[in-house]
Amino acid sequence: MKKIILILLILTMSIPITYGQDTGITGVTTGDLFSGGNVMLRKLMKRDYSEADGSPYLNDKFVKGKITFDNGKEYDILTRLNVGSQKFEIRKDLNSEISIIEINESVTIEMENKKYNLHSINLENKQILAVLEKCVENERMSLYYFPRKVIKMPVETGAVAPTTGFTKTPKPKWADANEFLILKNNNWYTVPNSFKKLVEKNIFDQKLLKKYKKSNKLNVKKKESLINLVSYFNSI
């Protein structure tokens, strides 16, 4: 089996490093996920987001979640997704230290009844690693939600400083850059924000797509609407 690579970065704990076997995590308890087993532990290096307005997190609060490995092992955790860094933060309970977890394709994170995996995707001739929410997975066509945030720098306005000589420097801020992605024939496509542009992308048969829109309330900005669309084309 493919070796599972799971790196937990712990803030203030000195724990021996142990290396797992190719068969995955074997004979570990829930506590082993945080204190040994098939993991490599390092000191957590915090990134400083204090200079940017807003939040890099999909949800600031930790919520109940689950880690599932491809060998069937599952662990209950509290988790949140740092959309800015595309990494999950986990903790055993609200009183425990926060850890950063880097996952590979064989690990699934479940959070608020949504399942996330790491994917290697090619968008606009750029190969990137991205944490994607699974919406529809099918051999013919799959739909994913890409929760993403970017830093936007303030625009220089050339404003004149007040007579006091004090000018407040505008801060950069986190901005949503979420996208829906379609995987078809090993090609990745960004779902555009308008039906006209979706037709022009030629992801779907144009005649069938226009016919579908006439019979259904298609909204290319809504997850459920896109799920129904992709599921329909997978069924014909």
C-alpha atoms as a PDB file:
ATOM      1  CA  MET A   1       0.000   0.000   0.000  1.00  0.00           C
ATOM      2  CA  LYS A   2       1.004   3.608  -0.532  1.00  0.00           C
ATOM      3  CA  LYS A   3       2.756   5.010   2.540  1.00  0.00           C
ATOM      4  CA  ILE A   4       0.587   7.475   4.414  1.00  0.00           C
ATOM      5  CA  ILE A   5       2.427  10.688   5.104  1.00  0.00           C
ATOM      6  CA  LEU A   6       0.948  12.659   7.949  1.00  0.00           C
ATOM      7  CA  ILE A   7       2.922  15.489   9.525  1.00  0.00           C
ATOM      8  CA  LEU A   8       1.708  16.941  12.794  1.00  0.00           C
ATOM      9  CA  LEU A   9       3.474  20.063  13.980  1.00  0.00           C
ATOM     10  CA  ILE A  10       3.090  20.454  17.781  1.00  0.00           C
ATOM     11  CA  LEU A  11       3.682  23.799  19.494  1.00  0.00           C
ATOM     12  CA  THR A  12       5.241  22.994  22.874  1.00  0.00           C
ATOM     13  CA  MET A  13       5.686  19.256  23.304  1.00  0.00           C
ATOM     14  CA  SER A  14       8.842  17.182  23.141  1.00  0.00           C
ATOM     15  CA  ILE A  15       7.783  13.773  21.799  1.00  0.00           C
ATOM     16  CA  PRO A  16       9.961  11.041  20.256  1.00  0.00           C
ATOM     17  CA  ILE A  17       9.688  10.758  16.480  1.00  0.00           C
ATOM     18  CA  THR A  18       8.505   7.385  15.214  1.00  0.00           C
ATOM     19  CA  TYR A  19       8.066   6.205  11.667  1.00  0.00           C
ATOM     20  CA  GLY A  20       5.142   4.096  10.500  1.00  0.00           C
ATOM     21  CA  GLN A  21       5.098   1.100   8.195  1.00  0.00           C
ATOM     22  CA  ASP A  22       3.968   0.947   4.574  1.00  0.00           C
ATOM     23  CA  THR A  23       0.754  -0.725   5.728  1.00  0.00           C
ATOM     24  CA  GLY A  24      -0.355   2.527   7.390  1.00  0.00           C
ATOM     25  CA  ILE A  25      -1.260   3.158  10.993  1.00  0.00           C
ATOM     26  CA  THR A  26      -1.373  -0.119  12.859  1.00  0.00           C
ATOM     27  CA  GLY A  27      -2.571  -0.736  16.393  1.00  0.00           C
ATOM     28  CA  VAL A  28      -2.852   2.874  17.452  1.00  0.00           C
ATOM     29  CA  THR A  29      -5.416   4.452  19.743  1.00  0.00           C
ATOM     30  CA  THR A  30      -7.105   7.808  19.326  1.00  0.00           C
ATOM     31  CA  GLY A  31      -4.469   9.349  21.580  1.00  0.00           C
ATOM     32  CA  ASP A  32      -1.709   8.054  19.317  1.00  0.00           C
ATOM     33  CA  LEU A  33      -2.772  10.511  16.647  1.00  0.00           C
ATOM     34  CA  PHE A  34      -1.531  13.291  18.914  1.00  0.00           C
ATOM     35  CA  SER A  35       1.342  11.526  20.692  1.00  0.00           C
ATOM     36  CA  GLY A  36       3.108   9.157  18.300  1.00  0.00           C
ATOM     37  CA  GLY A  37       2.193   6.293  15.974  1.00  0.00           C
ATOM     38  CA  ASN A  38       2.586   6.772  12.227  1.00  0.00           C
ATOM     39  CA  VAL A  39       3.432  10.481  12.478  1.00  0.00           C
ATOM     40  CA  MET A  40       6.421  12.772  12.438  1.00  0.00           C
ATOM     41  CA  LEU A  41       6.226  15.585  14.977  1.00  0.00           C
ATOM     42  CA  ARG A  42       7.891  18.982  14.865  1.00  0.00           C
ATOM     43  CA  LYS A  43       7.601  22.277  16.666  1.00  0.00           C
ATOM     44  CA  LEU A  44       4.813  24.429  15.249  1.00  0.00           C
ATOM     45  CA  MET A  45       6.006  27.522  13.411  1.00  0.00           C
ATOM     46  CA  LYS A  46       3.150  30.039  13.481  1.00  0.00           C
ATOM     47  CA  ARG A  47       2.583  32.287  10.507  1.00  0.00           C
ATOM     48  CA  ASP A  48       1.742  35.879  11.428  1.00  0.00           C
ATOM     49  CA  TYR A  49      -1.517  37.088   9.908  1.00  0.00           C
ATOM     50  CA  SER A  50      -1.909  39.950  12.379  1.00  0.00           C
ATOM     51  CA  GLU A  51      -1.072  42.633   9.822  1.00  0.00           C
ATOM     52  CA  ALA A  52      -3.968  41.662   7.543  1.00  0.00           C
ATOM     53  CA  ASP A  53      -7.580  42.585   8.210  1.00  0.00           C
ATOM     54  CA  GLY A  54     -10.102  39.766   8.171  1.00  0.00           C
ATOM     55  CA  SER A  55      -9.434  36.088   8.743  1.00  0.00           C
ATOM     56  CA  PRO A  56      -7.579  33.377   6.784  1.00  0.00           C
ATOM     57  CA  TYR A  57      -9.937  30.706   8.161  1.00  0.00           C
ATOM     58  CA  LEU A  58     -12.968  29.150   6.545  1.00  0.00           C
ATOM     59  CA  ASN A  59     -14.467  29.263  10.046  1.00  0.00           C
ATOM     60  CA  ASP A  60     -12.597  30.810  12.965  1.00  0.00           C
ATOM     61  CA  LYS A  61     -14.057  28.350  15.472  1.00  0.00           C
ATOM     62  CA  PHE A  62     -12.903  24.763  15.828  1.00  0.00           C
ATOM     63  CA  VAL A  63     -15.685  22.312  14.961  1.00  0.00           C
ATOM     64  CA  LYS A  64     -16.098  18.589  15.420  1.00  0.00           C
ATOM     65  CA  GLY A  65     -14.452  16.638  12.641  1.00  0.00           C
ATOM     66  CA  LYS A  66     -12.810  13.387  11.678  1.00  0.00           C
ATOM     67  CA  ILE A  67      -9.612  12.181  10.005  1.00  0.00           C
ATOM     68  CA  THR A  68      -9.976   9.047   7.870  1.00  0.00           C
ATOM     69  CA  PHE A  69      -7.080   7.144   6.310  1.00  0.00           C
ATOM     70  CA  ASP A  70      -7.254   4.874   3.282  1.00  0.00           C
ATOM     71  CA  ASN A  71      -6.718   1.853   5.557  1.00  0.00           C
ATOM     72  CA  GLY A  72     -10.028   2.602   7.294  1.00  0.00           C
ATOM     73  CA  LYS A  73      -8.626   4.104  10.512  1.00  0.00           C
ATOM     74  CA  GLU A  74     -10.650   7.054  11.810  1.00  0.00           C
ATOM     75  CA  TYR A  75      -9.998   9.627  14.532  1.00  0.00           C
ATOM     76  CA  ASP A  76     -12.384  12.171  16.018  1.00  0.00           C
ATOM     77  CA  ILE A  77     -10.885  15.658  16.311  1.00  0.00           C
ATOM     78  CA  LEU A  78     -11.689  19.351  16.530  1.00  0.00           C
ATOM     79  CA  THR A  79     -10.593  21.124  13.373  1.00  0.00           C
ATOM     80  CA  ARG A  80     -10.662  24.240  11.231  1.00  0.00           C
ATOM     81  CA  LEU A  81      -9.282  25.024   7.780  1.00  0.00           C
ATOM     82  CA  ASN A  82      -6.760  27.793   7.220  1.00  0.00           C
ATOM     83  CA  VAL A  83      -7.847  28.716   3.703  1.00  0.00           C
ATOM     84  CA  GLY A  84      -4.910  31.082   3.314  1.00  0.00           C
ATOM     85  CA  SER A  85      -2.308  28.339   3.750  1.00  0.00           C
ATOM     86  CA  GLN A  86      -4.560  25.451   2.595  1.00  0.00           C
ATOM     87  CA  LYS A  87      -3.812  23.527   5.788  1.00  0.00           C
ATOM     88  CA  PHE A  88      -5.953  22.148   8.596  1.00  0.00           C
ATOM     89  CA  GLU A  89      -5.451  22.972  12.243  1.00  0.00           C
ATOM     90  CA  ILE A  90      -6.546  20.326  14.724  1.00  0.00           C
ATOM     91  CA  ARG A  91      -6.740  19.787  18.442  1.00  0.00           C
ATOM     92  CA  LYS A  92      -7.799  16.892  20.623  1.00  0.00           C
ATOM     93  CA  ASP A  93     -10.110  19.091  22.706  1.00  0.00           C
ATOM     94  CA  LEU A  94     -10.621  22.788  23.427  1.00  0.00           C
ATOM     95  CA  ASN A  95      -7.919  22.727  26.117  1.00  0.00           C
ATOM     96  CA  SER A  96      -5.210  21.040  24.026  1.00  0.00           C
ATOM     97  CA  GLU A  97      -2.508  22.624  21.895  1.00  0.00           C
ATOM     98  CA  ILE A  98      -3.241  23.514  18.273  1.00  0.00           C
ATOM     99  CA  SER A  99      -1.441  21.439  15.640  1.00  0.00           C
ATOM    100  CA  ILE A 100      -1.052  21.963  11.909  1.00  0.00           C
ATOM    101  CA  ILE A 101      -1.689  18.898   9.782  1.00  0.00           C
ATOM    102  CA  GLU A 102      -0.431  18.431   6.240  1.00  0.00           C
ATOM    103  CA  ILE A 103      -2.376  15.724   4.423  1.00  0.00           C
ATOM    104  CA  ASN A 104      -1.840  13.827   1.198  1.00  0.00           C
ATOM    105  CA  GLU A 105      -4.356  12.321  -1.221  1.00  0.00           C
ATOM    106  CA  SER A 106      -4.926   9.243   0.963  1.00  0.00           C
ATOM    107  CA  VAL A 107      -6.243  11.230   3.941  1.00  0.00           C
ATOM    108  CA  THR A 108      -9.777  12.620   4.212  1.00  0.00           C
ATOM    109  CA  ILE A 109     -10.776  15.376   6.626  1.00  0.00           C
ATOM    110  CA  GLU A 110     -14.467  15.596   7.491  1.00  0.00           C
ATOM    111  CA  MET A 111     -15.726  18.890   8.862  1.00  0.00           C
ATOM    112  CA  GLU A 112     -19.363  19.939   9.298  1.00  0.00           C
ATOM    113  CA  ASN A 113     -20.499  16.966   7.179  1.00  0.00           C
ATOM    114  CA  LYS A 114     -18.231  18.022   4.297  1.00  0.00           C
ATOM    115  CA  LYS A 115     -15.299  15.909   3.113  1.00  0.00           C
ATOM    116  CA  TYR A 116     -11.976  17.424   2.060  1.00  0.00           C
ATOM    117  CA  ASN A 117      -8.951  15.940   0.280  1.00  0.00           C
ATOM    118  CA  LEU A 118      -5.696  17.277  -1.082  1.00  0.00           C
ATOM    119  CA  HIS A 119      -5.558  17.354  -4.887  1.00  0.00           C
ATOM    120  CA  SER A 120      -2.871  18.163  -7.411  1.00  0.00           C
ATOM    121  CA  ILE A 121      -4.624  20.305 -10.000  1.00  0.00           C
ATOM    122  CA  ASN A 122      -3.625  22.128 -13.148  1.00  0.00           C
ATOM    123  CA  LEU A 123      -5.352  25.466 -13.660  1.00  0.00           C
ATOM    124  CA  GLU A 124      -4.321  27.833 -16.442  1.00  0.00           C
ATOM    125  CA  ASN A 125      -1.129  25.821 -16.966  1.00  0.00           C
ATOM    126  CA  LYS A 126      -0.174  26.115 -13.309  1.00  0.00           C
ATOM    127  CA  GLN A 127       0.208  22.988 -11.182  1.00  0.00           C
ATOM    128  CA  ILE A 128      -0.887  23.572  -7.590  1.00  0.00           C
ATOM    129  CA  LEU A 129      -1.819  21.585  -4.486  1.00  0.00           C
ATOM    130  CA  ALA A 130      -5.251  22.465  -3.152  1.00  0.00           C
ATOM    131  CA  VAL A 131      -7.607  21.272  -0.428  1.00  0.00           C
ATOM    132  CA  LEU A 132     -10.948  20.670  -2.141  1.00  0.00           C
ATOM    133  CA  GLU A 133     -14.393  19.853  -0.831  1.00  0.00           C
ATOM    134  CA  LYS A 134     -15.904  16.829  -2.536  1.00  0.00           C
ATOM    135  CA  CYS A 135     -19.267  17.655  -4.143  1.00  0.00           C
ATOM    136  CA  VAL A 136     -19.663  15.001  -6.874  1.00  0.00           C
ATOM    137  CA  GLU A 137     -17.079  12.335  -7.678  1.00  0.00           C
ATOM    138  CA  ASN A 138     -17.593  10.248 -10.793  1.00  0.00           C
ATOM    139  CA  GLU A 139     -15.335   8.659 -13.391  1.00  0.00           C
ATOM    140  CA  ARG A 140     -16.993  10.731 -16.103  1.00  0.00           C
ATOM    141  CA  MET A 141     -17.105  14.111 -14.385  1.00  0.00           C
ATOM    142  CA  SER A 142     -16.489  15.418 -10.871  1.00  0.00           C
ATOM    143  CA  LEU A 143     -17.351  18.648  -9.103  1.00  0.00           C
ATOM    144  CA  TYR A 144     -15.315  20.208  -6.288  1.00  0.00           C
ATOM    145  CA  TYR A 145     -15.494  23.364  -4.219  1.00  0.00           C
ATOM    146  CA  PHE A 146     -12.194  25.181  -3.792  1.00  0.00           C
ATOM    147  CA  PRO A 147     -12.351  27.299  -0.598  1.00  0.00           C
ATOM    148  CA  ARG A 148      -9.694  29.924  -1.191  1.00  0.00           C
ATOM    149  CA  LYS A 149      -8.624  33.277   0.208  1.00  0.00           C
ATOM    150  CA  VAL A 150      -5.977  35.671  -1.020  1.00  0.00           C
ATOM    151  CA  ILE A 151      -4.248  38.721   0.409  1.00  0.00           C
ATOM    152  CA  LYS A 152      -5.270  41.954  -1.276  1.00  0.00           C
ATOM    153  CA  MET A 153      -2.900  44.851  -0.893  1.00  0.00           C
ATOM    154  CA  PRO A 154      -4.270  48.359  -0.347  1.00  0.00           C
ATOM    155  CA  VAL A 155      -4.361  50.622  -3.392  1.00  0.00           C
ATOM    156  CA  GLU A 156      -2.269  53.774  -3.217  1.00  0.00           C
ATOM    157  CA  THR A 157      -4.679  56.708  -3.495  1.00  0.00           C
ATOM    158  CA  GLY A 158      -2.174  59.528  -3.355  1.00  0.00           C
ATOM    159  CA  ALA A 159      -4.161  61.191  -0.576  1.00  0.00           C
ATOM    160  CA  VAL A 160      -2.620  64.236   1.068  1.00  0.00           C
ATOM    161  CA  ALA A 161      -1.502  63.725   4.665  1.00  0.00           C
ATOM    162  CA  PRO A 162      -3.376  65.747   7.321  1.00  0.00           C
ATOM    163  CA  THR A 163      -1.736  68.833   8.823  1.00  0.00           C
ATOM    164  CA  THR A 164      -0.718  66.813  11.872  1.00  0.00           C
ATOM    165  CA  GLY A 165       1.706  64.931   9.647  1.00  0.00           C
ATOM    166  CA  PHE A 166       0.219  61.588  10.712  1.00  0.00           C
ATOM    167  CA  THR A 167      -0.944  59.222   7.991  1.00  0.00           C
ATOM    168  CA  LYS A 168      -2.560  55.890   8.816  1.00  0.00           C
ATOM    169  CA  THR A 169      -1.086  53.166   6.637  1.00  0.00           C
ATOM    170  CA  PRO A 170      -3.854  51.061   5.051  1.00  0.00           C
ATOM    171  CA  LYS A 171      -3.604  47.353   5.870  1.00  0.00           C
ATOM    172  CA  PRO A 172      -3.749  44.413   3.479  1.00  0.00           C
ATOM    173  CA  LYS A 173      -6.816  42.251   3.893  1.00  0.00           C
ATOM    174  CA  TRP A 174      -7.990  38.703   3.349  1.00  0.00           C
ATOM    175  CA  ALA A 175     -10.420  38.402   0.445  1.00  0.00           C
ATOM    176  CA  ASP A 176     -12.542  35.443  -0.634  1.00  0.00           C
ATOM    177  CA  ALA A 177     -11.478  33.832  -3.911  1.00  0.00           C
ATOM    178  CA  ASN A 178     -13.633  30.703  -3.774  1.00  0.00           C
ATOM    179  CA  GLU A 179     -14.169  28.671  -6.936  1.00  0.00           C
ATOM    180  CA  PHE A 180     -16.037  25.628  -8.170  1.00  0.00           C
ATOM    181  CA  LEU A 181     -13.908  23.216 -10.196  1.00  0.00           C
ATOM    182  CA  ILE A 182     -14.872  20.470 -12.624  1.00  0.00           C
ATOM    183  CA  LEU A 183     -12.631  17.515 -13.435  1.00  0.00           C
ATOM    184  CA  LYS A 184     -13.366  15.895 -16.797  1.00  0.00           C
ATOM    185  CA  ASN A 185     -11.080  13.651 -18.866  1.00  0.00           C
ATOM    186  CA  ASN A 186      -8.198  14.498 -16.499  1.00  0.00           C
ATOM    187  CA  ASN A 187      -8.638  18.204 -17.237  1.00  0.00           C
ATOM    188  CA  TRP A 188      -9.531  20.799 -14.600  1.00  0.00           C
ATOM    189  CA  TYR A 189     -11.941  23.630 -15.353  1.00  0.00           C
ATOM    190  CA  THR A 190     -12.947  26.650 -13.306  1.00  0.00           C
ATOM    191  CA  VAL A 191     -16.710  27.159 -13.306  1.00  0.00           C
ATOM    192  CA  PRO A 192     -17.332  30.756 -14.456  1.00  0.00           C
ATOM    193  CA  ASN A 193     -19.828  33.086 -12.793  1.00  0.00           C
ATOM    194  CA  SER A 194     -22.120  33.391 -15.819  1.00  0.00           C
ATOM    195  CA  PHE A 195     -24.048  30.872 -17.907  1.00  0.00           C
ATOM    196  CA  LYS A 196     -22.789  32.423 -21.159  1.00  0.00           C
ATOM    197  CA  LYS A 197     -19.167  31.879 -20.144  1.00  0.00           C
ATOM    198  CA  LEU A 198     -19.966  28.338 -19.015  1.00  0.00           C
ATOM    199  CA  VAL A 199     -21.335  27.559 -22.482  1.00  0.00           C
ATOM    200  CA  GLU A 200     -18.175  28.993 -24.052  1.00  0.00           C
ATOM    201  CA  LYS A 201     -15.969  26.730 -21.910  1.00  0.00           C
ATOM    202  CA  ASN A 202     -17.271  23.651 -23.806  1.00  0.00           C
ATOM    203  CA  ILE A 203     -17.194  21.493 -20.681  1.00  0.00           C
ATOM    204  CA  PHE A 204     -20.702  20.287 -21.536  1.00  0.00           C
ATOM    205  CA  ASP A 205     -22.459  19.638 -24.814  1.00  0.00           C
ATOM    206  CA  GLN A 206     -23.743  23.123 -25.644  1.00  0.00           C
ATOM    207  CA  LYS A 207     -27.151  22.064 -26.963  1.00  0.00           C
ATOM    208  CA  LEU A 208     -27.841  19.810 -24.003  1.00  0.00           C
ATOM    209  CA  LEU A 209     -26.611  22.469 -21.577  1.00  0.00           C
ATOM    210  CA  LYS A 210     -28.970  25.099 -23.007  1.00  0.00           C
ATOM    211  CA  LYS A 211     -31.816  22.601 -22.966  1.00  0.00           C
ATOM    212  CA  TYR A 212     -31.059  21.745 -19.338  1.00  0.00           C
ATOM    213  CA  LYS A 213     -31.124  25.418 -18.367  1.00  0.00           C
ATOM    214  CA  LYS A 214     -34.564  25.889 -19.928  1.00  0.00           C
ATOM    215  CA  SER A 215     -35.952  23.011 -17.887  1.00  0.00           C
ATOM    216  CA  ASN A 216     -34.142  23.740 -14.636  1.00  0.00           C
ATOM    217  CA  LYS A 217     -33.313  26.718 -12.465  1.00  0.00           C
ATOM    218  CA  LEU A 218     -29.576  26.640 -13.089  1.00  0.00           C
ATOM    219  CA  ASN A 219     -27.479  28.999 -10.984  1.00  0.00           C
ATOM    220  CA  VAL A 220     -23.762  28.572 -11.705  1.00  0.00           C
ATOM    221  CA  LYS A 221     -22.902  30.321  -8.415  1.00  0.00           C
ATOM    222  CA  LYS A 222     -24.819  27.843  -6.223  1.00  0.00           C
ATOM    223  CA  LYS A 223     -23.382  24.522  -5.073  1.00  0.00           C
ATOM    224  CA  GLU A 224     -26.621  22.516  -5.113  1.00  0.00           C
ATOM    225  CA  SER A 225     -27.479  23.781  -8.591  1.00  0.00           C
ATOM    226  CA  LEU A 226     -24.056  22.725  -9.924  1.00  0.00           C
ATOM    227  CA  ILE A 227     -24.316  19.358  -8.158  1.00  0.00           C
ATOM    228  CA  ASN A 228     -27.612  18.720  -9.960  1.00  0.00           C
ATOM    229  CA  LEU A 229     -26.097  19.807 -13.283  1.00  0.00           C
ATOM    230  CA  VAL A 230     -23.025  17.556 -13.033  1.00  0.00           C
ATOM    231  CA  SER A 231     -25.113  14.645 -11.743  1.00  0.00           C
ATOM    232  CA  TYR A 232     -27.456  15.038 -14.713  1.00  0.00           C
ATOM    233  CA  PHE A 233     -24.653  14.913 -17.284  1.00  0.00           C
ATOM    234  CA  ASN A 234     -23.152  11.901 -15.510  1.00  0.00           C
ATOM    235  CA  SER A 235     -26.480  10.102 -15.850  1.00  0.00           C
ATOM    236  CA  ILE A 236     -26.991  10.511 -19.617  1.00  0.00           C
END
